[in-house]
């Protein structure tokens, strides 16, 4: 039991140190040696817990999301009774996460500059990389337009919710920032629902 507790503490120290260094220097600009020095541990422990620098980068992103959500990623659940309710829950969570966690937005902006962005862009939980399976289920239920590619729908929903925090618009600043964020979030949800719902009339 003591060994497991000690390993958990060590892993947490590594994640905290890595998060600080990654946010300051990006992926390529950071080194395992530098992270080990910051965490005051031997670098072999980093490989023991995370396998590689790429694995550590993904673990830092996962850790930030878990710290915000307050639960394990695999426990996150969203309503599936209607596509609108799913969008309201999923998009709101993602929007508010990026709003309250500029650190994760900074990591993502760094990774866009990296040569290895394909290797480091995902996190360990596949369900955070795509919601295509849920979109497909909604299509089977007649709640999402059947002719659409589920992966494309998933990508558009996820990116639309996070993009404002990668390139912050002027109306997210100043005294009306919170009001504007709330209105913009409503526009995102309504726009996505209208775009993908089969119950909306469309003129050619």
N, C-alpha and C. Protein backbone atom coordinates (compact mmCIF):
# COMPACT_ATOMS: atom_id res chain seq x y z
N UNK A 1 0.83 -1.20 0.00
CA UNK A 1 0.00 0.00 0.00
C UNK A 1 0.87 1.26 0.00
N UNK A 2 1.94 1.26 0.84
CA UNK A 2 2.84 2.40 0.90
C UNK A 2 3.54 2.62 -0.44
N UNK A 3 3.89 1.51 -1.11
CA UNK A 3 4.56 1.62 -2.40
C UNK A 3 3.64 2.27 -3.43
N UNK A 4 2.36 1.86 -3.44
CA UNK A 4 1.41 2.43 -4.39
C UNK A 4 1.21 3.92 -4.11
N UNK A 5 1.13 4.28 -2.81
CA UNK A 5 0.94 5.68 -2.45
C UNK A 5 2.15 6.50 -2.88
N UNK A 6 3.33 5.93 -2.67
CA UNK A 6 4.56 6.61 -3.06
C UNK A 6 4.64 6.82 -4.57
N UNK A 7 4.23 5.79 -5.32
CA UNK A 7 4.24 5.91 -6.79
C UNK A 7 3.25 6.96 -7.26
N UNK A 8 2.11 7.03 -6.59
CA UNK A 8 1.10 8.03 -6.95
C UNK A 8 1.64 9.44 -6.71
N UNK A 9 2.29 9.64 -5.57
CA UNK A 9 2.87 10.94 -5.24
C UNK A 9 3.93 11.32 -6.26
N UNK A 10 4.76 10.36 -6.63
CA UNK A 10 5.81 10.61 -7.62
C UNK A 10 5.21 11.00 -8.96
N UNK A 11 4.19 10.27 -9.40
CA UNK A 11 3.53 10.58 -10.67
C UNK A 11 2.93 11.98 -10.64
N UNK A 12 2.33 12.37 -9.52
CA UNK A 12 1.74 13.70 -9.40
C UNK A 12 2.82 14.77 -9.47
N UNK A 13 3.96 14.54 -8.82
CA UNK A 13 5.06 15.49 -8.88
C UNK A 13 5.54 15.67 -10.31
N UNK A 14 5.64 14.58 -11.03
CA UNK A 14 6.08 14.63 -12.43
C UNK A 14 5.09 15.42 -13.26
N UNK A 15 3.79 15.16 -13.08
CA UNK A 15 2.76 15.85 -13.85
C UNK A 15 2.78 17.35 -13.58
N UNK A 16 2.94 17.73 -12.33
CA UNK A 16 2.97 19.15 -11.98
C UNK A 16 4.18 19.84 -12.60
N UNK A 17 5.33 19.20 -12.48
CA UNK A 17 6.56 19.78 -13.03
C UNK A 17 6.49 19.85 -14.55
N UNK A 18 6.02 18.78 -15.17
CA UNK A 18 5.92 18.73 -16.63
C UNK A 18 4.94 19.78 -17.15
N UNK A 19 3.83 19.95 -16.44
CA UNK A 19 2.84 20.93 -16.87
C UNK A 19 3.44 22.33 -16.91
N UNK A 20 4.19 22.69 -15.89
CA UNK A 20 4.80 24.02 -15.84
C UNK A 20 5.81 24.21 -16.96
N UNK A 21 6.62 23.20 -17.20
CA UNK A 21 7.65 23.32 -18.23
C UNK A 21 7.06 23.28 -19.63
N UNK A 22 6.12 22.38 -19.86
CA UNK A 22 5.49 22.30 -21.18
C UNK A 22 4.79 23.62 -21.54
N UNK A 23 4.12 24.23 -20.57
CA UNK A 23 3.40 25.47 -20.86
C UNK A 23 4.36 26.61 -21.14
N UNK A 24 5.53 26.56 -20.54
CA UNK A 24 6.51 27.63 -20.74
C UNK A 24 7.33 27.44 -22.02
N UNK A 25 7.60 26.18 -22.38
CA UNK A 25 8.54 25.92 -23.46
C UNK A 25 7.98 25.11 -24.62
N UNK A 26 6.78 24.57 -24.48
CA UNK A 26 6.25 23.69 -25.52
C UNK A 26 6.85 22.31 -25.43
N UNK A 27 6.50 21.45 -26.39
CA UNK A 27 6.97 20.07 -26.37
C UNK A 27 8.44 19.96 -26.75
N UNK A 28 8.80 20.50 -27.91
CA UNK A 28 10.17 20.37 -28.38
C UNK A 28 11.15 21.12 -27.49
N UNK A 29 10.71 22.23 -26.92
CA UNK A 29 11.60 23.02 -26.08
C UNK A 29 11.81 22.47 -24.69
N UNK A 30 11.06 21.44 -24.34
CA UNK A 30 11.19 20.82 -23.01
C UNK A 30 12.01 19.54 -23.10
N UNK A 31 12.64 19.18 -22.00
CA UNK A 31 13.44 17.96 -21.97
C UNK A 31 13.07 17.11 -20.77
N UNK A 32 13.25 15.82 -20.92
CA UNK A 32 13.02 14.90 -19.80
C UNK A 32 13.93 15.25 -18.64
N UNK A 33 15.17 15.61 -18.93
CA UNK A 33 16.10 15.99 -17.87
C UNK A 33 15.61 17.22 -17.11
N UNK A 34 15.10 18.21 -17.86
CA UNK A 34 14.61 19.42 -17.23
C UNK A 34 13.40 19.15 -16.35
N UNK A 35 12.51 18.28 -16.83
CA UNK A 35 11.32 17.94 -16.04
C UNK A 35 11.71 17.16 -14.80
N UNK A 36 12.67 16.24 -14.95
CA UNK A 36 13.15 15.46 -13.80
C UNK A 36 13.78 16.38 -12.75
N UNK A 37 14.56 17.34 -13.20
CA UNK A 37 15.19 18.29 -12.27
C UNK A 37 14.13 19.11 -11.54
N UNK A 38 13.12 19.55 -12.30
CA UNK A 38 12.04 20.34 -11.70
C UNK A 38 11.28 19.54 -10.65
N UNK A 39 11.05 18.26 -10.95
CA UNK A 39 10.30 17.39 -10.03
C UNK A 39 11.18 16.80 -8.93
N UNK A 40 12.51 17.00 -9.07
CA UNK A 40 13.48 16.47 -8.11
C UNK A 40 13.40 14.94 -8.00
N UNK A 41 13.38 14.32 -9.18
CA UNK A 41 13.37 12.86 -9.24
C UNK A 41 14.33 12.41 -10.34
N UNK A 42 14.64 11.11 -10.37
CA UNK A 42 15.49 10.58 -11.43
C UNK A 42 14.64 10.44 -12.69
N UNK A 43 15.23 10.74 -13.84
CA UNK A 43 14.45 10.73 -15.08
C UNK A 43 13.90 9.35 -15.43
N UNK A 44 14.52 8.29 -14.91
CA UNK A 44 14.01 6.95 -15.19
C UNK A 44 12.59 6.77 -14.68
N UNK A 45 12.22 7.52 -13.63
CA UNK A 45 10.87 7.42 -13.08
C UNK A 45 9.83 7.99 -14.05
N UNK A 46 10.25 8.95 -14.85
CA UNK A 46 9.33 9.51 -15.85
C UNK A 46 8.98 8.43 -16.88
N UNK A 47 10.02 7.71 -17.34
CA UNK A 47 9.77 6.64 -18.31
C UNK A 47 8.96 5.50 -17.67
N UNK A 48 9.21 5.25 -16.39
CA UNK A 48 8.48 4.19 -15.68
C UNK A 48 6.99 4.50 -15.63
N UNK A 49 6.65 5.76 -15.34
CA UNK A 49 5.24 6.13 -15.17
C UNK A 49 4.54 6.48 -16.47
N UNK A 50 5.27 7.05 -17.43
CA UNK A 50 4.61 7.60 -18.61
C UNK A 50 5.16 7.09 -19.94
N UNK A 51 6.23 6.33 -19.91
CA UNK A 51 6.74 5.67 -21.10
C UNK A 51 7.59 6.52 -22.01
N UNK A 52 7.20 7.77 -22.23
CA UNK A 52 7.92 8.63 -23.16
C UNK A 52 7.51 10.08 -22.91
N UNK A 53 8.21 11.01 -23.56
CA UNK A 53 7.82 12.42 -23.43
C UNK A 53 6.45 12.65 -24.05
N UNK A 54 6.17 11.94 -25.16
CA UNK A 54 4.85 12.05 -25.78
C UNK A 54 3.75 11.58 -24.83
N UNK A 55 4.01 10.46 -24.16
CA UNK A 55 3.04 9.95 -23.20
C UNK A 55 2.83 10.89 -22.03
N UNK A 56 3.91 11.55 -21.62
CA UNK A 56 3.82 12.51 -20.51
C UNK A 56 3.02 13.74 -20.93
N UNK A 57 3.22 14.21 -22.14
CA UNK A 57 2.46 15.36 -22.64
C UNK A 57 0.96 15.06 -22.62
N UNK A 58 0.58 13.88 -23.12
CA UNK A 58 -0.82 13.49 -23.13
C UNK A 58 -1.37 13.35 -21.70
N UNK A 59 -0.53 12.82 -20.82
CA UNK A 59 -0.97 12.64 -19.43
C UNK A 59 -1.19 13.99 -18.74
N UNK A 60 -0.37 14.98 -19.06
CA UNK A 60 -0.54 16.32 -18.50
C UNK A 60 -1.89 16.89 -18.95
N UNK A 61 -2.22 16.74 -20.23
CA UNK A 61 -3.51 17.24 -20.73
C UNK A 61 -4.67 16.51 -20.07
N UNK A 62 -4.55 15.19 -19.94
CA UNK A 62 -5.59 14.40 -19.30
C UNK A 62 -5.77 14.83 -17.84
N UNK A 63 -4.67 15.05 -17.15
CA UNK A 63 -4.69 15.43 -15.75
C UNK A 63 -5.39 16.77 -15.55
N UNK A 64 -5.15 17.70 -16.46
CA UNK A 64 -5.80 19.01 -16.37
C UNK A 64 -7.31 18.88 -16.51
N UNK A 65 -7.76 18.04 -17.43
CA UNK A 65 -9.19 17.88 -17.63
C UNK A 65 -9.84 17.17 -16.45
N UNK A 66 -9.16 16.16 -15.92
CA UNK A 66 -9.70 15.44 -14.77
C UNK A 66 -9.78 16.34 -13.55
N UNK A 67 -8.79 17.22 -13.39
CA UNK A 67 -8.79 18.13 -12.25
C UNK A 67 -9.98 19.09 -12.33
N UNK A 68 -10.34 19.49 -13.56
CA UNK A 68 -11.48 20.38 -13.74
C UNK A 68 -12.80 19.65 -13.53
N UNK A 69 -12.92 18.48 -14.13
CA UNK A 69 -14.20 17.77 -14.10
C UNK A 69 -14.47 17.13 -12.74
N UNK A 70 -13.40 16.86 -11.98
CA UNK A 70 -13.57 16.27 -10.67
C UNK A 70 -13.86 14.79 -10.68
N UNK A 71 -13.68 14.13 -11.84
CA UNK A 71 -13.93 12.70 -11.91
C UNK A 71 -13.06 12.09 -13.01
N UNK A 72 -12.98 10.78 -13.00
CA UNK A 72 -12.24 10.10 -14.04
C UNK A 72 -12.91 10.33 -15.39
N UNK A 73 -12.09 10.46 -16.42
CA UNK A 73 -12.62 10.75 -17.75
C UNK A 73 -13.63 9.72 -18.21
N UNK A 74 -13.41 8.46 -17.82
CA UNK A 74 -14.30 7.41 -18.28
C UNK A 74 -15.66 7.47 -17.59
N UNK A 75 -15.79 8.30 -16.54
CA UNK A 75 -17.06 8.43 -15.84
C UNK A 75 -17.90 9.58 -16.37
N UNK A 76 -17.33 10.40 -17.22
CA UNK A 76 -18.08 11.52 -17.77
C UNK A 76 -19.26 11.00 -18.57
N UNK A 77 -20.43 11.52 -18.28
CA UNK A 77 -21.64 11.07 -18.97
C UNK A 77 -22.43 12.28 -19.45
N UNK A 78 -23.05 12.13 -20.61
CA UNK A 78 -23.85 13.20 -21.18
C UNK A 78 -25.23 12.65 -21.53
N UNK A 79 -26.27 13.48 -21.42
CA UNK A 79 -27.62 12.99 -21.72
C UNK A 79 -27.75 12.54 -23.16
N UNK A 80 -28.45 11.47 -23.37
CA UNK A 80 -28.64 10.92 -24.72
C UNK A 80 -30.12 10.83 -25.10
N UNK A 81 -30.98 11.45 -24.28
CA UNK A 81 -32.41 11.40 -24.59
C UNK A 81 -32.74 12.23 -25.82
N UNK A 82 -31.97 13.28 -26.08
CA UNK A 82 -32.17 14.08 -27.29
C UNK A 82 -30.83 14.64 -27.74
N UNK A 83 -30.71 14.92 -29.03
CA UNK A 83 -29.48 15.50 -29.57
C UNK A 83 -29.26 16.90 -29.01
N UNK A 84 -30.31 17.66 -28.82
CA UNK A 84 -30.20 19.02 -28.28
C UNK A 84 -29.65 18.99 -26.86
N UNK A 85 -30.17 18.09 -26.03
CA UNK A 85 -29.68 18.00 -24.66
C UNK A 85 -28.22 17.55 -24.63
N UNK A 86 -27.86 16.63 -25.52
CA UNK A 86 -26.47 16.20 -25.61
C UNK A 86 -25.57 17.38 -25.95
N UNK A 87 -25.96 18.15 -26.96
CA UNK A 87 -25.15 19.31 -27.35
C UNK A 87 -25.04 20.31 -26.21
N UNK A 88 -26.14 20.58 -25.54
CA UNK A 88 -26.12 21.55 -24.44
C UNK A 88 -25.14 21.12 -23.36
N UNK A 89 -25.14 19.83 -23.02
CA UNK A 89 -24.26 19.32 -21.98
C UNK A 89 -22.81 19.25 -22.44
N UNK A 90 -22.59 18.63 -23.58
CA UNK A 90 -21.22 18.40 -24.06
C UNK A 90 -20.52 19.70 -24.44
N UNK A 91 -21.19 20.53 -25.22
CA UNK A 91 -20.57 21.78 -25.68
C UNK A 91 -20.33 22.73 -24.51
N UNK A 92 -21.28 22.80 -23.58
CA UNK A 92 -21.11 23.66 -22.42
C UNK A 92 -19.91 23.23 -21.59
N UNK A 93 -19.79 21.92 -21.34
CA UNK A 93 -18.65 21.43 -20.57
C UNK A 93 -17.34 21.78 -21.26
N UNK A 94 -17.27 21.55 -22.57
CA UNK A 94 -16.04 21.81 -23.31
C UNK A 94 -15.73 23.31 -23.36
N UNK A 95 -16.74 24.12 -23.60
CA UNK A 95 -16.58 25.57 -23.66
C UNK A 95 -16.09 26.12 -22.32
N UNK A 96 -16.75 25.71 -21.24
CA UNK A 96 -16.38 26.21 -19.91
C UNK A 96 -15.02 25.68 -19.47
N UNK A 97 -14.69 24.47 -19.90
CA UNK A 97 -13.38 23.92 -19.56
C UNK A 97 -12.27 24.79 -20.13
N UNK A 98 -12.37 25.12 -21.41
CA UNK A 98 -11.33 25.95 -22.03
C UNK A 98 -11.35 27.37 -21.47
N UNK A 99 -12.52 27.87 -21.13
CA UNK A 99 -12.62 29.21 -20.56
C UNK A 99 -11.90 29.28 -19.21
N UNK A 100 -12.07 28.26 -18.39
CA UNK A 100 -11.51 28.27 -17.04
C UNK A 100 -10.11 27.66 -16.96
N UNK A 101 -9.64 27.10 -18.08
CA UNK A 101 -8.32 26.46 -18.08
C UNK A 101 -7.47 26.98 -19.24
N UNK A 102 -7.00 28.22 -19.12
CA UNK A 102 -6.11 28.75 -20.17
C UNK A 102 -4.85 27.92 -20.35
N UNK A 103 -4.50 27.12 -19.32
CA UNK A 103 -3.30 26.28 -19.42
C UNK A 103 -3.44 25.25 -20.53
N UNK A 104 -4.62 24.63 -20.63
CA UNK A 104 -4.80 23.61 -21.65
C UNK A 104 -4.86 24.25 -23.03
N UNK A 105 -5.44 25.45 -23.13
CA UNK A 105 -5.44 26.16 -24.40
C UNK A 105 -4.02 26.50 -24.82
N UNK A 106 -3.19 26.86 -23.85
CA UNK A 106 -1.79 27.18 -24.15
C UNK A 106 -1.05 25.94 -24.64
N UNK A 107 -1.30 24.79 -24.01
CA UNK A 107 -0.66 23.55 -24.46
C UNK A 107 -1.06 23.22 -25.90
N UNK A 108 -2.33 23.39 -26.21
CA UNK A 108 -2.80 23.07 -27.56
C UNK A 108 -2.20 24.02 -28.59
N UNK A 109 -2.08 25.29 -28.24
CA UNK A 109 -1.45 26.24 -29.16
C UNK A 109 0.02 25.89 -29.38
N UNK A 110 0.69 25.43 -28.32
CA UNK A 110 2.08 24.99 -28.46
C UNK A 110 2.15 23.80 -29.41
N UNK A 111 1.25 22.82 -29.21
CA UNK A 111 1.37 21.59 -29.98
C UNK A 111 1.10 21.81 -31.47
N UNK A 112 0.35 22.85 -31.80
CA UNK A 112 0.12 23.17 -33.20
C UNK A 112 1.41 23.59 -33.91
N UNK A 113 2.40 24.01 -33.13
CA UNK A 113 3.67 24.45 -33.70
C UNK A 113 4.69 23.32 -33.78
N UNK A 114 4.35 22.17 -33.19
CA UNK A 114 5.33 21.10 -33.07
C UNK A 114 5.36 20.20 -34.30
N UNK A 115 6.54 19.69 -34.60
CA UNK A 115 6.69 18.71 -35.69
C UNK A 115 5.97 17.41 -35.36
N UNK A 116 5.83 17.11 -34.06
CA UNK A 116 5.22 15.86 -33.63
C UNK A 116 3.76 16.03 -33.22
N UNK A 117 3.08 17.02 -33.77
CA UNK A 117 1.72 17.28 -33.28
C UNK A 117 0.79 16.09 -33.46
N UNK A 118 1.01 15.26 -34.48
CA UNK A 118 0.16 14.09 -34.66
C UNK A 118 0.33 13.07 -33.54
N UNK A 119 1.55 12.99 -32.99
CA UNK A 119 1.82 12.03 -31.92
C UNK A 119 1.37 12.52 -30.55
N UNK A 120 1.22 13.82 -30.40
CA UNK A 120 0.93 14.35 -29.06
C UNK A 120 -0.44 15.01 -28.94
N UNK A 121 -1.21 15.09 -30.04
CA UNK A 121 -2.44 15.87 -29.96
C UNK A 121 -3.55 15.18 -29.17
N UNK A 122 -3.55 13.86 -29.12
CA UNK A 122 -4.62 13.15 -28.41
C UNK A 122 -4.33 12.98 -26.94
N UNK A 123 -5.37 12.65 -26.19
CA UNK A 123 -5.20 12.26 -24.80
C UNK A 123 -5.53 10.78 -24.69
N UNK A 124 -5.28 10.21 -23.53
CA UNK A 124 -5.41 8.76 -23.38
C UNK A 124 -6.84 8.26 -23.59
N UNK A 125 -7.82 9.09 -23.25
CA UNK A 125 -9.20 8.66 -23.40
C UNK A 125 -9.70 8.95 -24.81
N UNK A 126 -10.03 7.89 -25.56
CA UNK A 126 -10.49 8.08 -26.94
C UNK A 126 -11.78 8.86 -27.00
N UNK A 127 -12.60 8.75 -25.96
CA UNK A 127 -13.88 9.43 -25.98
C UNK A 127 -13.73 10.94 -25.93
N UNK A 128 -12.52 11.44 -25.56
CA UNK A 128 -12.27 12.87 -25.59
C UNK A 128 -11.70 13.32 -26.93
N UNK A 129 -11.32 12.38 -27.76
CA UNK A 129 -10.81 12.70 -29.09
C UNK A 129 -11.90 12.71 -30.13
N UNK A 130 -12.96 11.96 -29.90
CA UNK A 130 -14.05 11.90 -30.87
C UNK A 130 -15.35 11.49 -30.17
N UNK A 131 -16.46 12.02 -30.67
CA UNK A 131 -17.79 11.61 -30.19
C UNK A 131 -18.55 11.00 -31.36
N UNK A 132 -17.81 10.49 -32.33
CA UNK A 132 -18.42 9.94 -33.54
C UNK A 132 -19.38 8.79 -33.24
N UNK A 133 -19.03 7.95 -32.28
CA UNK A 133 -19.89 6.82 -31.95
C UNK A 133 -21.25 7.30 -31.44
N UNK A 134 -21.25 8.35 -30.61
CA UNK A 134 -22.52 8.88 -30.11
C UNK A 134 -23.31 9.54 -31.24
N UNK A 135 -22.60 10.23 -32.14
CA UNK A 135 -23.28 10.84 -33.29
C UNK A 135 -23.93 9.77 -34.15
N UNK A 136 -23.21 8.67 -34.37
CA UNK A 136 -23.75 7.56 -35.16
C UNK A 136 -25.02 7.00 -34.51
N UNK A 137 -25.01 6.91 -33.19
CA UNK A 137 -26.18 6.41 -32.48
C UNK A 137 -27.37 7.37 -32.66
N UNK A 138 -27.09 8.67 -32.60
CA UNK A 138 -28.16 9.64 -32.84
C UNK A 138 -28.68 9.52 -34.27
N UNK A 139 -27.81 9.24 -35.22
CA UNK A 139 -28.25 9.03 -36.60
C UNK A 139 -29.17 7.81 -36.69
N UNK A 140 -28.81 6.76 -36.00
CA UNK A 140 -29.64 5.55 -36.01
C UNK A 140 -31.02 5.81 -35.40
N UNK A 141 -31.09 6.78 -34.49
CA UNK A 141 -32.35 7.13 -33.85
C UNK A 141 -33.13 8.20 -34.62
N UNK A 142 -32.54 8.66 -35.74
CA UNK A 142 -33.20 9.69 -36.54
C UNK A 142 -33.08 11.08 -35.97
N UNK A 143 -32.10 11.31 -35.09
CA UNK A 143 -31.95 12.61 -34.43
C UNK A 143 -30.85 13.47 -35.04
N UNK A 144 -30.03 12.88 -35.90
CA UNK A 144 -28.98 13.60 -36.63
C UNK A 144 -29.09 13.20 -38.09
N UNK A 145 -28.88 14.15 -38.98
CA UNK A 145 -28.99 13.88 -40.41
C UNK A 145 -28.16 12.66 -40.82
N UNK A 146 -28.76 11.66 -41.45
CA UNK A 146 -28.09 10.39 -41.73
C UNK A 146 -27.01 10.47 -42.80
N UNK A 147 -27.06 11.48 -43.66
CA UNK A 147 -26.09 11.55 -44.76
C UNK A 147 -24.74 12.13 -44.33
N UNK A 148 -24.65 12.63 -43.09
CA UNK A 148 -23.43 13.27 -42.62
C UNK A 148 -22.43 12.26 -42.08
N UNK A 149 -21.15 12.54 -42.28
CA UNK A 149 -20.07 11.69 -41.74
C UNK A 149 -19.96 11.94 -40.24
N UNK A 150 -20.13 10.91 -39.40
CA UNK A 150 -20.08 11.10 -37.94
C UNK A 150 -18.76 11.71 -37.45
N UNK A 151 -17.65 11.35 -38.09
CA UNK A 151 -16.35 11.90 -37.68
C UNK A 151 -16.29 13.40 -37.98
N UNK A 152 -16.87 13.80 -39.10
CA UNK A 152 -16.87 15.23 -39.45
C UNK A 152 -17.76 16.01 -38.49
N UNK A 153 -18.90 15.44 -38.16
CA UNK A 153 -19.80 16.09 -37.20
C UNK A 153 -19.11 16.21 -35.84
N UNK A 154 -18.48 15.13 -35.41
CA UNK A 154 -17.75 15.13 -34.15
C UNK A 154 -16.68 16.22 -34.13
N UNK A 155 -15.90 16.28 -35.19
CA UNK A 155 -14.81 17.25 -35.29
C UNK A 155 -15.36 18.68 -35.21
N UNK A 156 -16.43 18.95 -35.94
CA UNK A 156 -16.99 20.30 -35.97
C UNK A 156 -17.52 20.71 -34.60
N UNK A 157 -18.20 19.79 -33.92
CA UNK A 157 -18.74 20.10 -32.59
C UNK A 157 -17.61 20.41 -31.62
N UNK A 158 -16.59 19.56 -31.61
CA UNK A 158 -15.51 19.70 -30.63
C UNK A 158 -14.69 20.97 -30.91
N UNK A 159 -14.38 21.23 -32.17
CA UNK A 159 -13.54 22.39 -32.49
C UNK A 159 -14.30 23.69 -32.33
N UNK A 160 -15.59 23.70 -32.65
CA UNK A 160 -16.37 24.92 -32.52
C UNK A 160 -16.44 25.37 -31.06
N UNK A 161 -16.47 24.40 -30.15
CA UNK A 161 -16.56 24.73 -28.73
C UNK A 161 -15.25 25.24 -28.14
N UNK A 162 -14.12 24.86 -28.74
CA UNK A 162 -12.83 25.23 -28.17
C UNK A 162 -12.12 26.36 -28.89
N UNK A 163 -12.43 26.57 -30.18
CA UNK A 163 -11.71 27.55 -30.99
C UNK A 163 -11.68 28.96 -30.40
N UNK A 164 -12.77 29.47 -29.80
CA UNK A 164 -12.72 30.83 -29.28
C UNK A 164 -11.64 31.06 -28.23
N UNK A 165 -11.16 29.99 -27.61
CA UNK A 165 -10.15 30.14 -26.58
C UNK A 165 -8.74 29.91 -27.10
N UNK A 166 -8.64 29.52 -28.38
CA UNK A 166 -7.36 29.45 -29.04
C UNK A 166 -7.02 30.82 -29.65
N UNK A 167 -8.06 31.47 -30.18
CA UNK A 167 -7.92 32.78 -30.80
C UNK A 167 -9.01 33.69 -30.23
N UNK A 168 -8.78 34.20 -29.03
CA UNK A 168 -9.83 34.92 -28.30
C UNK A 168 -10.31 36.15 -29.06
N UNK A 169 -11.63 36.23 -29.28
CA UNK A 169 -12.19 37.42 -29.95
C UNK A 169 -12.20 38.61 -29.00
N UNK A 170 -12.27 39.80 -29.58
CA UNK A 170 -12.26 41.02 -28.76
C UNK A 170 -13.45 41.06 -27.81
N UNK A 171 -14.60 40.50 -28.23
CA UNK A 171 -15.78 40.59 -27.37
C UNK A 171 -15.71 39.65 -26.17
N UNK A 172 -14.64 38.87 -26.05
CA UNK A 172 -14.42 38.07 -24.84
C UNK A 172 -13.60 38.85 -23.81
N UNK A 173 -13.32 40.10 -24.10
CA UNK A 173 -12.55 40.96 -23.20
C UNK A 173 -13.46 42.05 -22.64
N UNK A 174 -13.02 42.70 -21.59
CA UNK A 174 -13.72 43.86 -21.06
C UNK A 174 -14.86 43.54 -20.12
N UNK A 175 -15.64 44.55 -19.81
CA UNK A 175 -16.67 44.43 -18.77
C UNK A 175 -17.83 43.52 -19.17
N UNK A 176 -18.08 43.37 -20.46
CA UNK A 176 -19.19 42.52 -20.91
C UNK A 176 -18.75 41.12 -21.29
N UNK A 177 -17.53 40.76 -20.92
CA UNK A 177 -16.95 39.48 -21.36
C UNK A 177 -17.82 38.29 -20.98
N UNK A 178 -18.24 38.22 -19.71
CA UNK A 178 -19.00 37.05 -19.26
C UNK A 178 -20.34 36.96 -19.97
N UNK A 179 -21.02 38.09 -20.12
CA UNK A 179 -22.30 38.10 -20.83
C UNK A 179 -22.12 37.67 -22.28
N UNK A 180 -21.07 38.16 -22.91
CA UNK A 180 -20.81 37.81 -24.30
C UNK A 180 -20.47 36.33 -24.47
N UNK A 181 -19.74 35.79 -23.51
CA UNK A 181 -19.42 34.36 -23.57
C UNK A 181 -20.69 33.52 -23.48
N UNK A 182 -21.58 33.90 -22.59
CA UNK A 182 -22.83 33.16 -22.43
C UNK A 182 -23.67 33.22 -23.71
N UNK A 183 -23.75 34.38 -24.32
CA UNK A 183 -24.53 34.53 -25.56
C UNK A 183 -23.87 33.76 -26.71
N UNK A 184 -22.55 33.79 -26.74
CA UNK A 184 -21.84 33.09 -27.81
C UNK A 184 -22.01 31.58 -27.67
N UNK A 185 -21.98 31.09 -26.43
CA UNK A 185 -22.20 29.67 -26.18
C UNK A 185 -23.59 29.26 -26.65
N UNK A 186 -24.59 30.08 -26.37
CA UNK A 186 -25.95 29.79 -26.84
C UNK A 186 -26.00 29.73 -28.37
N UNK A 187 -25.28 30.64 -29.03
CA UNK A 187 -25.24 30.65 -30.49
C UNK A 187 -24.58 29.39 -31.04
N UNK A 188 -23.51 28.94 -30.40
CA UNK A 188 -22.82 27.72 -30.84
C UNK A 188 -23.76 26.52 -30.77
N UNK A 189 -24.42 26.35 -29.63
CA UNK A 189 -25.31 25.20 -29.44
C UNK A 189 -26.46 25.23 -30.44
N UNK A 190 -27.08 26.40 -30.58
CA UNK A 190 -28.21 26.51 -31.49
C UNK A 190 -27.76 26.30 -32.94
N UNK A 191 -26.60 26.87 -33.29
CA UNK A 191 -26.09 26.72 -34.66
C UNK A 191 -25.77 25.28 -35.00
N UNK A 192 -25.13 24.56 -34.07
CA UNK A 192 -24.79 23.16 -34.32
C UNK A 192 -26.06 22.31 -34.43
N UNK A 193 -27.03 22.61 -33.57
CA UNK A 193 -28.28 21.84 -33.62
C UNK A 193 -28.99 22.04 -34.96
N UNK A 194 -29.05 23.28 -35.40
CA UNK A 194 -29.72 23.58 -36.67
C UNK A 194 -28.97 22.97 -37.85
N UNK A 195 -27.64 22.91 -37.74
CA UNK A 195 -26.83 22.37 -38.84
C UNK A 195 -26.99 20.87 -39.00
N UNK A 196 -27.16 20.15 -37.88
CA UNK A 196 -27.13 18.69 -37.94
C UNK A 196 -28.47 18.00 -37.72
N UNK A 197 -29.44 18.72 -37.22
CA UNK A 197 -30.74 18.11 -36.95
C UNK A 197 -31.51 17.85 -38.24
N UNK A 198 -32.14 16.70 -38.37
CA UNK A 198 -32.94 16.41 -39.58
C UNK A 198 -34.28 17.10 -39.57
N UNK A 199 -34.63 17.74 -38.45
CA UNK A 199 -35.95 18.35 -38.32
C UNK A 199 -35.99 19.81 -38.76
N UNK A 200 -34.89 20.28 -39.35
CA UNK A 200 -34.82 21.66 -39.78
C UNK A 200 -34.98 21.73 -41.29
N UNK A 201 -35.92 22.55 -41.75
CA UNK A 201 -36.13 22.68 -43.21
C UNK A 201 -34.99 23.46 -43.84
N UNK A 202 -34.55 23.00 -45.02
CA UNK A 202 -33.44 23.63 -45.71
C UNK A 202 -33.84 23.89 -47.16
N UNK A 203 -33.55 25.09 -47.60
CA UNK A 203 -33.83 25.42 -49.01
C UNK A 203 -32.61 25.15 -49.86
N UNK A 204 -32.78 24.68 -51.05
CA UNK A 204 -31.67 24.39 -51.95
C UNK A 204 -31.16 25.69 -52.60
